[in-house]
Amino acid sequence: MKATLTYIGLIVTTLVFSQNTEDSFPNAIKKHIKEYNKQSDLAFKENETVKAQVLFDSLVSNYLIGTQFQDYTLKSFEKKKTKLSKFKKPVFILTYASWCVPSKGEFQALNKLAQKFSKDVKFVILFWDKKHSIKKIAQKFNHNITICYAHETYKNDALIVSHLKHTLGFPTSYFLDENLKVVNIKRGGAQPNRKSSFVQAYTMNYNAFRDGLGSLLIGKNIKDEQLTTN
């Protein structure tokens, strides 16, 4: 155990030189993404998945949490354009793509969480696709989740694609407070074993997203929820 902790500590040290002093998320990601990508790519090349996760968590905790997210204008599937600041509440954004294969129970878990907490948090799933590509997948989500899309070929999407898709990739979860300050950033949902039952996979995904939402729902009891698939 001691050797493992030392190993992880060395990994973090190679990426972290100072605590976050950046004002904006775009500036912070621009400043630190090159070094992160260099080390992350090497970790994946060497099949060091634990190291890769530690590097991601270190980037987020030391440089991105506390930065100011840009007030992007989102295009929803319902043909509405809305700035993030118009939501007037904490925002959970999950970036995705129509061709991504969701894990078992992932979308059901998101729907359940949105049903429970949409009064307190705005749920947004942002697909890196053209509108016609998400027509079918958009139907898998309930009305508590706002489905949006952005694509490189749309002239007004250049910034959000550059800042989010081309840096931290997808699926990625962004947790923002009501003032659009970054509270946390995580990878997508859980990765249950293929042999896991639906209930097991659903529960893993529910817990993964719920833990992230916990940073936005301080003071609310979300730890002792009875998990069901209804």
Protein backbone atom coordinates (compact mmCIF):
# COMPACT_ATOMS: atom_id res chain seq x y z
CA MET A 1 0.00 0.00 0.00
CA LYS A 2 2.84 2.40 0.90
CA ALA A 3 4.52 1.76 -2.44
CA THR A 4 1.25 2.40 -4.28
CA LEU A 5 0.69 5.71 -2.50
CA THR A 6 4.26 6.77 -3.25
CA TYR A 7 3.75 5.86 -6.90
CA ILE A 8 0.57 7.92 -7.14
CA GLY A 9 2.22 10.82 -5.34
CA LEU A 10 5.03 10.88 -7.87
CA ILE A 11 2.52 10.92 -10.71
CA VAL A 12 0.67 13.89 -9.25
CA THR A 13 3.91 15.76 -8.60
CA THR A 14 4.89 15.56 -12.25
CA LEU A 15 1.73 17.42 -13.24
CA VAL A 16 1.16 19.78 -10.32
CA PHE A 17 3.40 22.78 -9.74
CA SER A 18 0.98 25.20 -8.05
CA GLN A 19 -2.60 25.43 -6.96
CA ASN A 20 -5.17 26.83 -9.37
CA THR A 21 -4.89 30.58 -9.80
CA GLU A 22 -6.65 30.78 -13.16
CA ASP A 23 -9.73 32.96 -13.55
CA SER A 24 -11.40 31.23 -16.49
CA PHE A 25 -11.82 27.62 -17.54
CA PRO A 26 -10.75 28.30 -21.16
CA ASN A 27 -7.52 29.95 -20.01
CA ALA A 28 -6.75 27.21 -17.50
CA ILE A 29 -7.37 24.39 -19.95
CA LYS A 30 -5.30 26.11 -22.63
CA LYS A 31 -2.39 26.54 -20.25
CA HIS A 32 -2.29 22.99 -18.90
CA ILE A 33 -3.83 20.66 -21.49
CA LYS A 34 -0.66 20.12 -23.52
CA GLU A 35 1.35 18.73 -20.61
CA TYR A 36 -1.63 16.71 -19.42
CA ASN A 37 -2.17 15.16 -22.86
CA LYS A 38 1.51 14.29 -23.13
CA GLN A 39 1.52 12.39 -19.85
CA SER A 40 -1.96 10.92 -20.30
CA ASP A 41 -1.18 9.59 -23.77
CA LEU A 42 1.94 7.93 -22.43
CA ALA A 43 0.01 6.35 -19.57
CA PHE A 44 -2.60 4.88 -21.91
CA LYS A 45 0.11 3.70 -24.29
CA GLU A 46 1.66 1.78 -21.41
CA ASN A 47 -1.78 0.51 -20.34
CA GLU A 48 -1.48 2.37 -17.03
CA THR A 49 -5.16 3.14 -16.53
CA VAL A 50 -4.78 3.99 -12.84
CA LYS A 51 -2.03 6.47 -13.65
CA ALA A 52 -4.18 8.02 -16.40
CA GLN A 53 -7.07 8.51 -13.97
CA VAL A 54 -4.78 10.05 -11.36
CA LEU A 55 -3.47 12.49 -13.96
CA PHE A 56 -7.02 13.48 -14.94
CA ASP A 57 -8.10 13.95 -11.33
CA SER A 58 -4.97 15.98 -10.63
CA LEU A 59 -5.59 18.28 -13.60
CA VAL A 60 -9.16 18.86 -12.45
CA SER A 61 -8.49 19.39 -8.75
CA ASN A 62 -5.41 21.58 -9.11
CA TYR A 63 -6.18 23.67 -12.17
CA LEU A 64 -9.84 23.52 -13.20
CA ILE A 65 -12.00 23.48 -10.07
CA GLY A 66 -12.89 27.04 -9.13
CA THR A 67 -12.41 28.47 -12.61
CA GLN A 68 -15.14 30.41 -14.38
CA PHE A 69 -16.89 28.42 -17.09
CA GLN A 70 -17.71 30.34 -20.24
CA ASP A 71 -21.34 31.36 -20.67
CA TYR A 72 -21.84 29.28 -23.80
CA THR A 73 -25.01 29.47 -25.87
CA LEU A 74 -26.49 25.99 -26.20
CA LYS A 75 -28.77 24.78 -28.99
CA SER A 76 -31.43 22.40 -27.74
CA PHE A 77 -33.11 19.74 -29.82
CA GLU A 78 -36.35 21.71 -29.42
CA LYS A 79 -34.84 24.54 -31.53
CA LYS A 80 -34.22 26.82 -28.58
CA LYS A 81 -30.97 28.68 -27.92
CA THR A 82 -30.12 29.40 -24.32
CA LYS A 83 -27.11 30.76 -22.48
CA LEU A 84 -25.98 28.72 -19.49
CA SER A 85 -26.48 31.72 -17.21
CA LYS A 86 -30.21 31.74 -18.00
CA PHE A 87 -30.74 28.53 -16.05
CA LYS A 88 -30.24 30.37 -12.73
CA LYS A 89 -29.28 27.16 -10.93
CA PRO A 90 -26.38 24.69 -10.76
CA VAL A 91 -25.79 22.87 -14.05
CA PHE A 92 -24.74 19.31 -14.81
CA ILE A 93 -23.47 18.89 -18.38
CA LEU A 94 -22.64 15.47 -19.80
CA THR A 95 -20.90 15.58 -23.17
CA TYR A 96 -21.60 12.66 -25.47
CA ALA A 97 -21.80 11.57 -29.12
CA SER A 98 -24.59 9.73 -30.91
CA TRP A 99 -22.25 6.93 -31.96
CA CYS A 100 -21.05 6.23 -28.40
CA VAL A 101 -22.42 2.99 -26.99
CA PRO A 102 -23.83 3.72 -23.52
CA SER A 103 -23.13 1.27 -20.75
CA LYS A 104 -25.99 -0.87 -19.52
CA GLY A 105 -28.36 1.17 -17.33
CA GLU A 106 -26.57 4.48 -17.97
CA PHE A 107 -29.42 6.40 -19.59
CA GLN A 108 -31.97 4.96 -17.17
CA ALA A 109 -29.86 6.17 -14.24
CA LEU A 110 -29.61 9.66 -15.73
CA ASN A 111 -33.37 9.80 -16.24
CA LYS A 112 -33.99 8.73 -12.65
CA LEU A 113 -31.59 11.29 -11.22
CA ALA A 114 -33.05 14.06 -13.38
CA GLN A 115 -36.54 13.10 -12.22
CA LYS A 116 -35.41 13.44 -8.60
CA PHE A 117 -33.22 16.52 -8.74
CA SER A 118 -34.19 18.65 -11.75
CA LYS A 119 -35.72 21.29 -9.46
CA ASP A 120 -32.30 21.91 -7.95
CA VAL A 121 -29.96 21.17 -10.87
CA LYS A 122 -30.28 21.75 -14.61
CA PHE A 123 -29.50 18.51 -16.47
CA VAL A 124 -27.97 18.94 -19.93
CA ILE A 125 -26.64 16.31 -22.31
CA LEU A 126 -24.52 17.90 -25.01
CA PHE A 127 -23.98 15.78 -28.11
CA TRP A 128 -21.06 16.52 -30.44
CA ASP A 129 -23.27 15.93 -33.46
CA LYS A 130 -25.41 17.58 -36.07
CA LYS A 131 -29.06 17.83 -35.14
CA HIS A 132 -30.34 15.10 -37.46
CA SER A 133 -27.88 12.61 -35.93
CA ILE A 134 -29.38 12.82 -32.44
CA LYS A 135 -33.07 12.53 -33.31
CA LYS A 136 -33.31 8.88 -32.30
CA ILE A 137 -31.11 8.97 -29.21
CA ALA A 138 -32.82 12.11 -27.88
CA GLN A 139 -36.00 10.07 -27.41
CA LYS A 140 -34.29 7.95 -24.75
CA PHE A 141 -34.29 10.80 -22.23
CA ASN A 142 -37.18 12.21 -20.23
CA HIS A 143 -38.35 15.83 -20.23
CA ASN A 144 -36.22 16.66 -17.19
CA ILE A 145 -33.08 16.51 -19.33
CA THR A 146 -32.32 19.16 -21.95
CA ILE A 147 -30.76 17.62 -25.05
CA CYS A 148 -28.35 19.91 -26.89
CA TYR A 149 -25.95 19.59 -29.79
CA ALA A 150 -22.86 21.27 -31.23
CA HIS A 151 -20.68 20.48 -34.23
CA GLU A 152 -17.45 21.71 -35.80
CA THR A 153 -19.24 22.65 -39.01
CA TYR A 154 -21.62 25.07 -37.26
CA LYS A 155 -19.96 28.49 -37.27
CA ASN A 156 -21.13 29.47 -33.80
CA ASP A 157 -19.92 26.25 -32.18
CA ALA A 158 -16.19 26.78 -32.67
CA LEU A 159 -15.48 27.89 -29.11
CA ILE A 160 -17.40 25.24 -27.21
CA VAL A 161 -16.02 22.49 -29.45
CA SER A 162 -12.49 23.81 -28.98
CA HIS A 163 -12.78 24.31 -25.22
CA LEU A 164 -14.56 21.05 -24.34
CA LYS A 165 -14.53 18.39 -27.05
CA HIS A 166 -10.95 18.96 -28.21
CA THR A 167 -9.50 19.09 -24.70
CA LEU A 168 -11.08 16.68 -22.21
CA GLY A 169 -12.88 14.58 -24.81
CA PHE A 170 -16.09 12.70 -24.05
CA PRO A 171 -18.07 11.43 -22.31
CA THR A 172 -17.20 13.99 -19.65
CA SER A 173 -19.33 15.36 -16.81
CA TYR A 174 -19.09 19.05 -15.87
CA PHE A 175 -20.60 20.19 -12.57
CA LEU A 176 -21.11 23.97 -12.35
CA ASP A 177 -22.58 26.08 -9.57
CA GLU A 178 -25.29 28.70 -10.19
CA ASN A 179 -22.58 31.25 -11.03
CA LEU A 180 -20.97 28.89 -13.57
CA LYS A 181 -17.95 28.21 -11.40
CA VAL A 182 -16.48 24.75 -11.96
CA VAL A 183 -17.25 22.61 -8.91
CA ASN A 184 -16.06 19.30 -10.35
CA ILE A 185 -15.32 17.49 -13.60
CA LYS A 186 -15.47 13.74 -14.01
CA ARG A 187 -15.42 11.19 -16.77
CA GLY A 188 -18.80 9.77 -17.85
CA GLY A 189 -20.73 7.11 -15.99
CA ALA A 190 -19.60 3.76 -14.63
CA GLN A 191 -18.08 0.92 -16.59
CA PRO A 192 -19.86 -2.20 -15.36
CA ASN A 193 -18.65 -5.63 -16.32
CA ARG A 194 -20.38 -7.12 -19.33
CA LYS A 195 -21.67 -9.91 -17.12
CA SER A 196 -23.29 -7.48 -14.69
CA SER A 197 -27.06 -7.67 -14.44
CA PHE A 198 -29.10 -4.66 -15.50
CA VAL A 199 -29.83 -3.73 -11.88
CA GLN A 200 -26.15 -3.97 -10.96
CA ALA A 201 -25.10 -1.84 -13.93
CA TYR A 202 -27.90 0.65 -13.32
CA THR A 203 -26.89 0.98 -9.67
CA MET A 204 -23.24 1.54 -10.58
CA ASN A 205 -24.16 4.29 -13.03
CA TYR A 206 -26.65 5.84 -10.63
CA ASN A 207 -24.02 5.99 -7.90
CA ALA A 208 -21.35 7.38 -10.23
CA PHE A 209 -23.50 10.27 -11.41
CA ARG A 210 -25.04 10.78 -7.97
CA ASP A 211 -21.60 11.20 -6.41
CA GLY A 212 -20.82 13.96 -8.89
CA LEU A 213 -24.15 15.65 -8.26
CA GLY A 214 -23.40 15.58 -4.55
CA SER A 215 -21.02 18.50 -5.06
CA LEU A 216 -23.97 20.57 -6.33
CA LEU A 217 -26.54 19.33 -3.83
CA ILE A 218 -24.75 20.13 -0.59
CA GLY A 219 -27.08 19.82 2.36
CA LYS A 220 -29.48 17.47 0.60
CA ASN A 221 -29.61 13.82 1.57
CA ILE A 222 -28.82 11.97 -1.64
CA LYS A 223 -26.63 9.26 -0.15
CA ASP A 224 -29.35 7.06 1.27
CA GLU A 225 -31.71 6.90 -1.69
CA GLN A 226 -33.40 3.57 -2.31
CA LEU A 227 -32.32 2.61 -5.82
CA THR A 228 -35.02 1.28 -8.11
CA THR A 229 -35.36 1.01 -11.86
CA ASN A 230 -38.89 2.36 -11.93
